[in-house]
Protein backbone atom coordinates (compact mmCIF):
# COMPACT_ATOMS: atom_id res chain seq x y z
CA MET A 1 82.50 100.99 109.70
CA LYS A 2 83.76 98.17 107.62
CA ASN A 3 86.35 98.47 104.90
CA SER A 4 83.89 97.21 102.29
CA PHE A 5 81.84 100.40 102.66
CA TYR A 6 84.91 102.52 101.92
CA ILE A 7 85.84 100.32 98.97
CA ILE A 8 82.33 100.82 97.56
CA LEU A 9 82.75 104.60 97.94
CA ILE A 10 86.06 104.44 96.09
CA VAL A 11 84.47 102.44 93.27
CA ILE A 12 81.62 104.98 93.01
CA ALA A 13 84.14 107.83 92.84
CA ILE A 14 86.07 106.05 90.09
CA ALA A 15 82.82 105.49 88.20
CA LEU A 16 82.09 109.21 88.47
CA ILE A 17 85.53 109.96 87.07
CA ALA A 18 84.86 107.66 84.12
CA TYR A 19 81.48 109.25 83.49
CA ASN A 20 82.85 112.80 83.66
CA VAL A 21 85.67 111.93 81.25
CA THR A 22 83.03 111.09 78.66
CA LEU A 23 81.49 114.56 79.10
CA VAL A 24 84.71 116.48 78.44
CA ASN A 25 85.01 118.01 74.99
CA PHE A 26 88.72 117.54 74.31
CA ASN A 27 88.70 120.10 71.47
CA SER A 28 87.79 122.87 73.92
CA PRO A 29 88.09 121.49 77.46
CA PHE A 30 87.65 124.84 79.25
CA GLU A 31 84.37 125.90 77.67
CA GLY A 32 80.76 125.09 78.52
CA ASP A 33 79.90 121.82 80.19
CA SER A 34 83.48 120.57 79.91
CA VAL A 35 84.49 122.82 82.82
CA ILE A 36 81.85 121.24 85.03
CA ALA A 37 83.05 117.77 84.00
CA ILE A 38 86.66 118.70 84.82
CA ILE A 39 85.58 119.99 88.23
CA GLY A 40 83.72 116.71 88.79
CA ILE A 41 86.84 114.74 87.85
CA ALA A 42 88.96 116.78 90.26
CA ALA A 43 86.42 116.37 93.08
CA SER A 44 86.21 112.61 92.54
CA LEU A 45 89.99 112.32 92.53
CA CYS A 46 90.10 114.22 95.83
CA ALA A 47 87.51 111.87 97.28
CA VAL A 48 89.54 108.81 96.22
CA VAL A 49 92.73 110.24 97.73
CA LEU A 50 90.99 111.13 100.99
CA LEU A 51 89.41 107.69 101.29
CA LEU A 52 92.75 105.99 100.65
CA ILE A 53 94.40 108.16 103.29
CA PHE A 54 91.60 107.27 105.71
CA LEU A 55 91.97 103.54 105.05
CA THR A 56 95.72 103.79 105.58
CA SER A 57 95.27 105.65 108.85
CA LYS A 58 92.78 103.03 110.07
CA LYS A 59 95.32 100.27 109.34
CA ILE A 60 98.00 102.16 111.26
CA GLN A 61 95.60 102.72 114.16
CA ASP A 62 94.71 99.02 114.26
CA ARG A 63 98.37 98.02 114.37
CA PHE A 64 99.08 100.59 117.07
CA ASN A 65 96.19 99.35 119.23
CA LYS A 66 97.36 95.73 118.94
CA ASN A 67 100.76 96.56 120.43
C-alpha cells in the first residue's frame, strides 16, 4: 500500500485524539465518560505509534532491498 494511506490513518488517529480531549472532564478525569475518552486517547496514541513504526520499517526494508 502507498504511504499516503498510512498518513491518512495517522491524521484520523490524531483527529480522534483531539476529539476525545474535548470529552475529558478535567475536574474529575477518572469518572463517567471521561474514562472512556481517556481510553480512546490512549488507543489512538497506540495506533499512531504503531503506524509510525510500520512506516519506519517499510523504509528500512526498501533500503535493504535496494542493496
